[in-house]
Amino acid sequence: MNDKHTWKVLEIFGSIVDREILITSFVDDVLGYENKDDSSLVYFDNVSKKYLEDYIQSNSNIKKWQWSEIVEKNWMQNCHDFFKPISIKDKVYLSTVWDEDEKNNMIDIKINPALAFGTGHHETTYMMIEAMLDFDFKEKSVLDIGTGSGILSILSKRLGSNRILAIDNDHLTENNFIENLKFNHIDDVEFKIADCTSFIDYNFDIILANINRSVIVDIIPNLTSSNTLVFLSGILNSDEDLINDLLNQYNRKIQKIYRKNKWSCIVIK
């Protein structure tokens, strides 16, 4: 009897910009994705192929795609092949649990990659880590929105945060999140399944939001406290003006912008 889980894989072809815009537009249904030179592999658990194909035709510049499936054991093999250790600003060393190398002079974070966002390889997570390293987290409370694998919560703890609440609307992230905390010997980070657009407790010193642009737009009205330092990632360079105009409506100002390829990470105060 085969008890391995199977995921649907949508491979889309086109320019990297068109692919990324499409992926971020249905990110709530996506478990994870991988960019290749000419295509992107997008992973789903349970989704209507017809719905996605109709959406692609009506809402994107993508003209070519194909479907396949991947079973759990093959996904884990792909993880071993794809997820290589990375160093960020020579201060954070991000690796997988099967990588035995350690960097004693750096913040060492180990994760077990799963079909969820946040491995550090994507520009949005990479820039969040870069930005976090430039600010003081000691004795600060942190809200990690769309936590995924928990990398940003783990780093917050390593940087000295005294209270961390991590939320995600995808129940599939919970086991991987808890597992990654254990790998990093952390046991005092709170995790909740919650929709950040209806979440009401934003009373934290620092808010981390590595999510898509549409959700960021939805939550900005909740970021009203000028005492809260907010990190926003998942924004395309072309959306910076839109975000800035919206922040101005709520008297929030951009303190710093990080850019990597076509992606931006915005820090507001």
C-alpha atoms as a PDB file:
ATOM      1  CA  MET A   1       0.000   0.000   0.000  1.00  0.00           C
ATOM      2  CA  ASN A   2       1.405   3.391  -1.030  1.00  0.00           C
ATOM      3  CA  ASP A   3       0.985   5.918   1.773  1.00  0.00           C
ATOM      4  CA  LYS A   4       3.212   8.579   0.226  1.00  0.00           C
ATOM      5  CA  HIS A   5       1.569  11.943  -0.323  1.00  0.00           C
ATOM      6  CA  THR A   6       1.280  13.244  -3.888  1.00  0.00           C
ATOM      7  CA  TRP A   7       1.345  16.896  -4.947  1.00  0.00           C
ATOM      8  CA  LYS A   8       0.319  18.514  -8.218  1.00  0.00           C
ATOM      9  CA  VAL A   9       3.053  20.394 -10.055  1.00  0.00           C
ATOM     10  CA  LEU A  10       2.273  23.168 -12.521  1.00  0.00           C
ATOM     11  CA  GLU A  11       5.174  24.151 -14.773  1.00  0.00           C
ATOM     12  CA  ILE A  12       4.689  27.569 -16.350  1.00  0.00           C
ATOM     13  CA  PHE A  13       6.793  29.024 -19.150  1.00  0.00           C
ATOM     14  CA  GLY A  14       7.488  32.665 -19.969  1.00  0.00           C
ATOM     15  CA  SER A  15       9.537  35.591 -18.722  1.00  0.00           C
ATOM     16  CA  ILE A  16      10.629  35.481 -15.091  1.00  0.00           C
ATOM     17  CA  VAL A  17       8.629  38.651 -14.369  1.00  0.00           C
ATOM     18  CA  ASP A  18       5.401  37.220 -15.829  1.00  0.00           C
ATOM     19  CA  ARG A  19       5.948  33.975 -13.935  1.00  0.00           C
ATOM     20  CA  GLU A  20       6.555  35.689 -10.601  1.00  0.00           C
ATOM     21  CA  ILE A  21       3.548  37.997 -11.000  1.00  0.00           C
ATOM     22  CA  LEU A  22       1.314  35.007 -11.687  1.00  0.00           C
ATOM     23  CA  ILE A  23       2.666  32.993  -8.768  1.00  0.00           C
ATOM     24  CA  THR A  24       2.201  35.837  -6.289  1.00  0.00           C
ATOM     25  CA  SER A  25      -1.370  36.357  -7.508  1.00  0.00           C
ATOM     26  CA  PHE A  26      -2.452  32.889  -6.369  1.00  0.00           C
ATOM     27  CA  VAL A  27       0.049  32.494  -3.557  1.00  0.00           C
ATOM     28  CA  ASP A  28      -2.618  31.471  -1.015  1.00  0.00           C
ATOM     29  CA  ASP A  29      -3.064  28.197  -2.922  1.00  0.00           C
ATOM     30  CA  VAL A  30       0.647  27.572  -3.520  1.00  0.00           C
ATOM     31  CA  LEU A  31       2.687  25.320  -1.245  1.00  0.00           C
ATOM     32  CA  GLY A  32       6.004  26.227  -2.794  1.00  0.00           C
ATOM     33  CA  TYR A  33       7.747  26.941  -6.049  1.00  0.00           C
ATOM     34  CA  GLU A  34      11.101  26.737  -7.788  1.00  0.00           C
ATOM     35  CA  ASN A  35      12.354  29.065 -10.534  1.00  0.00           C
ATOM     36  CA  LYS A  36      14.365  27.582 -13.392  1.00  0.00           C
ATOM     37  CA  ASP A  37      15.927  29.342 -16.378  1.00  0.00           C
ATOM     38  CA  ASP A  38      12.920  29.090 -18.694  1.00  0.00           C
ATOM     39  CA  SER A  39      10.126  27.959 -16.416  1.00  0.00           C
ATOM     40  CA  SER A  40       8.845  27.795 -12.839  1.00  0.00           C
ATOM     41  CA  LEU A  41       7.592  24.729 -10.982  1.00  0.00           C
ATOM     42  CA  VAL A  42       4.621  25.552  -8.748  1.00  0.00           C
ATOM     43  CA  TYR A  43       3.462  23.005  -6.156  1.00  0.00           C
ATOM     44  CA  PHE A  44      -0.136  22.478  -5.008  1.00  0.00           C
ATOM     45  CA  ASP A  45      -1.775  20.072  -2.612  1.00  0.00           C
ATOM     46  CA  ASN A  46      -5.410  20.116  -3.647  1.00  0.00           C
ATOM     47  CA  VAL A  47      -6.422  22.498  -6.404  1.00  0.00           C
ATOM     48  CA  SER A  48      -8.715  22.571  -9.433  1.00  0.00           C
ATOM     49  CA  LYS A  49      -6.676  22.390 -12.617  1.00  0.00           C
ATOM     50  CA  LYS A  50      -9.506  23.922 -14.640  1.00  0.00           C
ATOM     51  CA  TYR A  51      -9.828  26.846 -12.226  1.00  0.00           C
ATOM     52  CA  LEU A  52      -6.086  27.595 -12.422  1.00  0.00           C
ATOM     53  CA  GLU A  53      -5.951  27.249 -16.197  1.00  0.00           C
ATOM     54  CA  ASP A  54      -8.923  29.595 -16.615  1.00  0.00           C
ATOM     55  CA  TYR A  55      -7.258  32.032 -14.228  1.00  0.00           C
ATOM     56  CA  ILE A  56      -3.951  31.905 -16.124  1.00  0.00           C
ATOM     57  CA  GLN A  57      -5.677  32.566 -19.438  1.00  0.00           C
ATOM     58  CA  SER A  58      -7.682  35.500 -18.079  1.00  0.00           C
ATOM     59  CA  ASN A  59      -5.188  37.152 -15.730  1.00  0.00           C
ATOM     60  CA  SER A  60      -1.643  36.646 -16.983  1.00  0.00           C
ATOM     61  CA  ASN A  61       0.722  36.800 -19.929  1.00  0.00           C
ATOM     62  CA  ILE A  62       1.578  33.114 -19.554  1.00  0.00           C
ATOM     63  CA  LYS A  63       0.689  31.161 -22.693  1.00  0.00           C
ATOM     64  CA  LYS A  64       2.272  27.772 -22.025  1.00  0.00           C
ATOM     65  CA  TRP A  65       2.067  25.405 -19.060  1.00  0.00           C
ATOM     66  CA  GLN A  66       1.992  21.707 -18.233  1.00  0.00           C
ATOM     67  CA  TRP A  67       1.001  19.502 -15.291  1.00  0.00           C
ATOM     68  CA  SER A  68       2.761  16.674 -13.504  1.00  0.00           C
ATOM     69  CA  GLU A  69       2.783  15.054 -10.065  1.00  0.00           C
ATOM     70  CA  ILE A  70       5.447  14.462  -7.463  1.00  0.00           C
ATOM     71  CA  VAL A  71       5.376  12.033  -4.568  1.00  0.00           C
ATOM     72  CA  GLU A  72       6.788  12.740  -1.129  1.00  0.00           C
ATOM     73  CA  LYS A  73       9.940  10.639  -1.468  1.00  0.00           C
ATOM     74  CA  ASN A  74      10.860  12.351  -4.754  1.00  0.00           C
ATOM     75  CA  TRP A  75      10.294  15.775  -3.193  1.00  0.00           C
ATOM     76  CA  MET A  76      12.746  14.974  -0.428  1.00  0.00           C
ATOM     77  CA  GLN A  77      15.326  13.880  -3.000  1.00  0.00           C
ATOM     78  CA  ASN A  78      14.803  17.152  -4.847  1.00  0.00           C
ATOM     79  CA  CYS A  79      15.386  18.983  -1.566  1.00  0.00           C
ATOM     80  CA  HIS A  80      18.749  17.305  -1.146  1.00  0.00           C
ATOM     81  CA  ASP A  81      19.722  18.241  -4.689  1.00  0.00           C
ATOM     82  CA  PHE A  82      18.399  21.806  -4.738  1.00  0.00           C
ATOM     83  CA  PHE A  83      18.774  23.395  -1.300  1.00  0.00           C
ATOM     84  CA  LYS A  84      22.409  24.332  -0.873  1.00  0.00           C
ATOM     85  CA  PRO A  85      23.763  26.244   2.156  1.00  0.00           C
ATOM     86  CA  ILE A  86      23.830  30.020   1.806  1.00  0.00           C
ATOM     87  CA  SER A  87      25.622  32.776   3.704  1.00  0.00           C
ATOM     88  CA  ILE A  88      23.918  36.148   4.164  1.00  0.00           C
ATOM     89  CA  LYS A  89      26.122  39.186   4.895  1.00  0.00           C
ATOM     90  CA  ASP A  90      28.678  36.811   6.437  1.00  0.00           C
ATOM     91  CA  LYS A  91      26.472  36.834   9.528  1.00  0.00           C
ATOM     92  CA  VAL A  92      23.831  34.160   8.915  1.00  0.00           C
ATOM     93  CA  TYR A  93      24.567  30.657   7.657  1.00  0.00           C
ATOM     94  CA  LEU A  94      21.412  28.957   6.434  1.00  0.00           C
ATOM     95  CA  SER A  95      21.583  25.235   5.738  1.00  0.00           C
ATOM     96  CA  THR A  96      19.516  22.074   5.772  1.00  0.00           C
ATOM     97  CA  VAL A  97      19.387  19.580   8.606  1.00  0.00           C
ATOM     98  CA  TRP A  98      21.383  17.059   6.599  1.00  0.00           C
ATOM     99  CA  ASP A  99      24.229  19.533   6.040  1.00  0.00           C
ATOM    100  CA  GLU A 100      26.830  18.783   8.715  1.00  0.00           C
ATOM    101  CA  ASP A 101      28.915  21.907   8.152  1.00  0.00           C
ATOM    102  CA  GLU A 102      28.612  24.581  10.848  1.00  0.00           C
ATOM    103  CA  LYS A 103      29.834  28.177  10.963  1.00  0.00           C
ATOM    104  CA  ASN A 104      30.692  28.935  14.571  1.00  0.00           C
ATOM    105  CA  ASN A 105      31.362  32.610  13.822  1.00  0.00           C
ATOM    106  CA  MET A 106      27.914  33.097  12.266  1.00  0.00           C
ATOM    107  CA  ILE A 107      24.271  32.659  13.253  1.00  0.00           C
ATOM    108  CA  ASP A 108      23.698  29.061  12.199  1.00  0.00           C
ATOM    109  CA  ILE A 109      20.117  28.205  11.192  1.00  0.00           C
ATOM    110  CA  LYS A 110      19.120  24.743  10.043  1.00  0.00           C
ATOM    111  CA  ILE A 111      15.826  23.858   8.403  1.00  0.00           C
ATOM    112  CA  ASN A 112      14.110  20.874   6.890  1.00  0.00           C
ATOM    113  CA  PRO A 113      12.768  22.229   3.581  1.00  0.00           C
ATOM    114  CA  ALA A 114       9.125  21.427   3.005  1.00  0.00           C
ATOM    115  CA  LEU A 115       6.527  22.470   0.483  1.00  0.00           C
ATOM    116  CA  ALA A 116       6.163  25.874   2.115  1.00  0.00           C
ATOM    117  CA  PHE A 117       7.707  29.254   1.476  1.00  0.00           C
ATOM    118  CA  GLY A 118      10.758  30.474   3.261  1.00  0.00           C
ATOM    119  CA  THR A 119      13.964  28.610   2.571  1.00  0.00           C
ATOM    120  CA  GLY A 120      16.118  31.719   2.282  1.00  0.00           C
ATOM    121  CA  HIS A 121      16.927  31.032  -1.346  1.00  0.00           C
ATOM    122  CA  HIS A 122      14.183  33.279  -2.689  1.00  0.00           C
ATOM    123  CA  GLU A 123      14.963  36.985  -2.881  1.00  0.00           C
ATOM    124  CA  THR A 124      12.076  37.963  -0.601  1.00  0.00           C
ATOM    125  CA  THR A 125      13.298  35.869   2.341  1.00  0.00           C
ATOM    126  CA  TYR A 126      16.948  36.654   1.640  1.00  0.00           C
ATOM    127  CA  MET A 127      16.264  40.407   1.818  1.00  0.00           C
ATOM    128  CA  MET A 128      14.218  40.060   4.996  1.00  0.00           C
ATOM    129  CA  ILE A 129      17.202  38.429   6.654  1.00  0.00           C
ATOM    130  CA  GLU A 130      19.502  41.158   5.304  1.00  0.00           C
ATOM    131  CA  ALA A 131      17.215  43.853   6.666  1.00  0.00           C
ATOM    132  CA  MET A 132      16.749  42.210  10.069  1.00  0.00           C
ATOM    133  CA  LEU A 133      20.502  42.128  10.562  1.00  0.00           C
ATOM    134  CA  ASP A 134      20.601  45.937  10.288  1.00  0.00           C
ATOM    135  CA  PHE A 135      18.187  46.561  13.175  1.00  0.00           C
ATOM    136  CA  ASP A 136      18.065  45.929  16.923  1.00  0.00           C
ATOM    137  CA  PHE A 137      15.875  42.991  18.011  1.00  0.00           C
ATOM    138  CA  LYS A 138      17.125  42.682  21.585  1.00  0.00           C
ATOM    139  CA  GLU A 139      14.292  42.433  24.129  1.00  0.00           C
ATOM    140  CA  LYS A 140      11.762  43.244  21.381  1.00  0.00           C
ATOM    141  CA  SER A 141       8.401  41.545  20.767  1.00  0.00           C
ATOM    142  CA  VAL A 142       7.964  40.222  17.213  1.00  0.00           C
ATOM    143  CA  LEU A 143       4.953  39.274  15.092  1.00  0.00           C
ATOM    144  CA  ASP A 144       5.965  37.030  12.173  1.00  0.00           C
ATOM    145  CA  ILE A 145       3.166  37.097   9.567  1.00  0.00           C
ATOM    146  CA  GLY A 146       3.114  34.257   7.036  1.00  0.00           C
ATOM    147  CA  THR A 147       5.885  32.469   8.889  1.00  0.00           C
ATOM    148  CA  GLY A 148       6.068  29.384   6.655  1.00  0.00           C
ATOM    149  CA  SER A 149       9.156  27.396   7.640  1.00  0.00           C
ATOM    150  CA  GLY A 150       9.841  29.702  10.592  1.00  0.00           C
ATOM    151  CA  ILE A 151      13.218  31.025   9.457  1.00  0.00           C
ATOM    152  CA  LEU A 152      12.440  34.631  10.399  1.00  0.00           C
ATOM    153  CA  SER A 153      11.108  33.623  13.817  1.00  0.00           C
ATOM    154  CA  ILE A 154      14.251  31.586  14.436  1.00  0.00           C
ATOM    155  CA  LEU A 155      16.460  34.503  13.407  1.00  0.00           C
ATOM    156  CA  SER A 156      14.424  36.887  15.598  1.00  0.00           C
ATOM    157  CA  LYS A 157      15.144  34.641  18.565  1.00  0.00           C
ATOM    158  CA  ARG A 158      18.826  34.455  17.700  1.00  0.00           C
ATOM    159  CA  LEU A 159      18.905  38.265  17.534  1.00  0.00           C
ATOM    160  CA  GLY A 160      17.534  38.545  21.062  1.00  0.00           C
ATOM    161  CA  SER A 161      13.760  38.908  20.765  1.00  0.00           C
ATOM    162  CA  ASN A 162      11.972  38.208  24.034  1.00  0.00           C
ATOM    163  CA  ARG A 163       8.552  37.332  22.625  1.00  0.00           C
ATOM    164  CA  ILE A 164       7.642  35.956  19.190  1.00  0.00           C
ATOM    165  CA  LEU A 165       4.232  35.123  17.761  1.00  0.00           C
ATOM    166  CA  ALA A 166       4.294  33.415  14.369  1.00  0.00           C
ATOM    167  CA  ILE A 167       1.101  33.131  12.331  1.00  0.00           C
ATOM    168  CA  ASP A 168       0.263  31.429   9.044  1.00  0.00           C
ATOM    169  CA  ASN A 169      -3.025  30.661   7.322  1.00  0.00           C
ATOM    170  CA  ASP A 170      -1.771  27.325   5.964  1.00  0.00           C
ATOM    171  CA  HIS A 171      -2.149  24.427   8.412  1.00  0.00           C
ATOM    172  CA  LEU A 172       0.401  22.454   6.391  1.00  0.00           C
ATOM    173  CA  THR A 173       3.172  24.731   7.679  1.00  0.00           C
ATOM    174  CA  GLU A 174       2.630  23.928  11.354  1.00  0.00           C
ATOM    175  CA  ASN A 175       4.496  20.614  11.599  1.00  0.00           C
ATOM    176  CA  ASN A 176       7.418  21.923   9.560  1.00  0.00           C
ATOM    177  CA  PHE A 177       7.545  25.106  11.666  1.00  0.00           C
ATOM    178  CA  ILE A 178       7.644  23.156  14.948  1.00  0.00           C
ATOM    179  CA  GLU A 179      10.188  20.742  13.517  1.00  0.00           C
ATOM    180  CA  ASN A 180      12.502  23.575  12.475  1.00  0.00           C
ATOM    181  CA  LEU A 181      12.284  25.156  15.930  1.00  0.00           C
ATOM    182  CA  LYS A 182      13.432  21.860  17.444  1.00  0.00           C
ATOM    183  CA  PHE A 183      16.335  21.593  15.002  1.00  0.00           C
ATOM    184  CA  ASN A 184      17.487  24.997  16.255  1.00  0.00           C
ATOM    185  CA  HIS A 185      16.875  24.226  19.958  1.00  0.00           C
ATOM    186  CA  ILE A 186      14.110  26.793  20.343  1.00  0.00           C
ATOM    187  CA  ASP A 187      10.968  26.035  22.306  1.00  0.00           C
ATOM    188  CA  ASP A 188       9.439  29.377  23.282  1.00  0.00           C
ATOM    189  CA  VAL A 189       7.982  30.718  20.026  1.00  0.00           C
ATOM    190  CA  GLU A 190       4.186  30.768  19.828  1.00  0.00           C
ATOM    191  CA  PHE A 191       2.530  29.548  16.611  1.00  0.00           C
ATOM    192  CA  LYS A 192      -1.054  30.160  15.500  1.00  0.00           C
ATOM    193  CA  ILE A 193      -3.065  29.293  12.425  1.00  0.00           C
ATOM    194  CA  ALA A 194      -4.606  32.650  11.550  1.00  0.00           C
ATOM    195  CA  ASP A 195      -5.591  34.824   8.604  1.00  0.00           C
ATOM    196  CA  CYS A 196      -3.538  37.999   8.931  1.00  0.00           C
ATOM    197  CA  THR A 197      -6.201  40.081   7.167  1.00  0.00           C
ATOM    198  CA  SER A 198      -8.591  39.397  10.049  1.00  0.00           C
ATOM    199  CA  PHE A 199      -5.929  39.277  12.778  1.00  0.00           C
ATOM    200  CA  ILE A 200      -6.453  42.104  15.280  1.00  0.00           C
ATOM    201  CA  ASP A 201      -3.448  42.075  17.648  1.00  0.00           C
ATOM    202  CA  TYR A 202      -0.707  44.127  15.980  1.00  0.00           C
ATOM    203  CA  ASN A 203       0.664  45.468  19.256  1.00  0.00           C
ATOM    204  CA  PHE A 204       4.289  44.377  18.774  1.00  0.00           C
ATOM    205  CA  ASP A 205       7.629  46.190  18.686  1.00  0.00           C
ATOM    206  CA  ILE A 206       8.487  44.592  15.341  1.00  0.00           C
ATOM    207  CA  ILE A 207       6.302  43.117  12.591  1.00  0.00           C
ATOM    208  CA  LEU A 208       7.707  40.855   9.873  1.00  0.00           C
ATOM    209  CA  ALA A 209       5.519  40.316   6.797  1.00  0.00           C
ATOM    210  CA  ASN A 210       7.077  38.212   4.056  1.00  0.00           C
ATOM    211  CA  ILE A 211       3.904  37.727   2.050  1.00  0.00           C
ATOM    212  CA  ASN A 212       2.414  38.828  -1.272  1.00  0.00           C
ATOM    213  CA  ARG A 213       1.584  42.385  -2.293  1.00  0.00           C
ATOM    214  CA  SER A 214      -2.198  42.014  -2.151  1.00  0.00           C
ATOM    215  CA  VAL A 215      -2.099  40.860   1.481  1.00  0.00           C
ATOM    216  CA  ILE A 216       0.392  43.603   2.384  1.00  0.00           C
ATOM    217  CA  VAL A 217      -2.046  46.162   0.946  1.00  0.00           C
ATOM    218  CA  ASP A 218      -4.818  44.641   3.074  1.00  0.00           C
ATOM    219  CA  ILE A 219      -2.883  44.796   6.350  1.00  0.00           C
ATOM    220  CA  ILE A 220      -1.272  48.250   6.024  1.00  0.00           C
ATOM    221  CA  PRO A 221      -4.325  49.953   7.637  1.00  0.00           C
ATOM    222  CA  ASN A 222      -3.600  47.832  10.742  1.00  0.00           C
ATOM    223  CA  LEU A 223      -0.005  49.075  10.976  1.00  0.00           C
ATOM    224  CA  THR A 224      -0.937  52.351  12.610  1.00  0.00           C
ATOM    225  CA  SER A 225       1.472  52.484  15.560  1.00  0.00           C
ATOM    226  CA  SER A 226       4.471  54.711  14.866  1.00  0.00           C
ATOM    227  CA  ASN A 227       6.336  52.822  17.589  1.00  0.00           C
ATOM    228  CA  THR A 228       6.295  49.615  15.561  1.00  0.00           C
ATOM    229  CA  LEU A 229       9.116  48.785  13.155  1.00  0.00           C
ATOM    230  CA  VAL A 230       7.655  46.960  10.147  1.00  0.00           C
ATOM    231  CA  PHE A 231       9.446  44.846   7.538  1.00  0.00           C
ATOM    232  CA  LEU A 232       7.503  44.201   4.305  1.00  0.00           C
ATOM    233  CA  SER A 233       8.710  41.767   1.648  1.00  0.00           C
ATOM    234  CA  GLY A 234       7.059  40.088  -1.324  1.00  0.00           C
ATOM    235  CA  ILE A 235       6.839  43.376  -3.223  1.00  0.00           C
ATOM    236  CA  LEU A 236       7.980  43.908  -6.792  1.00  0.00           C
ATOM    237  CA  ASN A 237      10.166  46.946  -7.552  1.00  0.00           C
ATOM    238  CA  SER A 238       7.333  48.258  -9.716  1.00  0.00           C
ATOM    239  CA  ASP A 239       4.961  48.263  -6.707  1.00  0.00           C
ATOM    240  CA  GLU A 240       7.085  50.516  -4.493  1.00  0.00           C
ATOM    241  CA  ASP A 241       5.180  53.684  -5.401  1.00  0.00           C
ATOM    242  CA  LEU A 242       1.844  52.001  -4.721  1.00  0.00           C
ATOM    243  CA  ILE A 243       3.003  50.888  -1.268  1.00  0.00           C
ATOM    244  CA  ASN A 244       4.508  54.297  -0.513  1.00  0.00           C
ATOM    245  CA  ASP A 245       1.279  56.115  -1.467  1.00  0.00           C
ATOM    246  CA  LEU A 246      -0.733  53.779   0.748  1.00  0.00           C
ATOM    247  CA  LEU A 247       1.654  54.244   3.685  1.00  0.00           C
ATOM    248  CA  ASN A 248       1.367  58.023   3.347  1.00  0.00           C
ATOM    249  CA  GLN A 249      -2.396  57.731   3.822  1.00  0.00           C
ATOM    250  CA  TYR A 250      -1.710  56.294   7.269  1.00  0.00           C
ATOM    251  CA  ASN A 251       1.173  58.640   8.132  1.00  0.00           C
ATOM    252  CA  ARG A 252       3.773  55.890   7.896  1.00  0.00           C
ATOM    253  CA  LYS A 253       7.142  56.562   6.294  1.00  0.00           C
ATOM    254  CA  ILE A 254       9.618  54.328   4.524  1.00  0.00           C
ATOM    255  CA  GLN A 255      12.869  54.147   6.462  1.00  0.00           C
ATOM    256  CA  LYS A 256      14.867  51.912   4.122  1.00  0.00           C
ATOM    257  CA  ILE A 257      14.414  49.876   0.948  1.00  0.00           C
ATOM    258  CA  TYR A 258      16.375  46.757   0.036  1.00  0.00           C
ATOM    259  CA  ARG A 259      16.341  45.521  -3.555  1.00  0.00           C
ATOM    260  CA  LYS A 260      17.387  42.232  -5.104  1.00  0.00           C
ATOM    261  CA  ASN A 261      16.692  41.657  -8.788  1.00  0.00           C
ATOM    262  CA  LYS A 262      13.045  42.691  -9.309  1.00  0.00           C
ATOM    263  CA  TRP A 263      12.043  42.332  -5.640  1.00  0.00           C
ATOM    264  CA  SER A 264      11.925  44.942  -2.867  1.00  0.00           C
ATOM    265  CA  CYS A 265      11.909  44.729   0.919  1.00  0.00           C
ATOM    266  CA  ILE A 266      10.594  47.853   2.634  1.00  0.00           C
ATOM    267  CA  VAL A 267      11.244  48.849   6.249  1.00  0.00           C
ATOM    268  CA  ILE A 268       8.799  51.369   7.690  1.00  0.00           C
ATOM    269  CA  LYS A 269       8.706  53.257  10.975  1.00  0.00           C
END
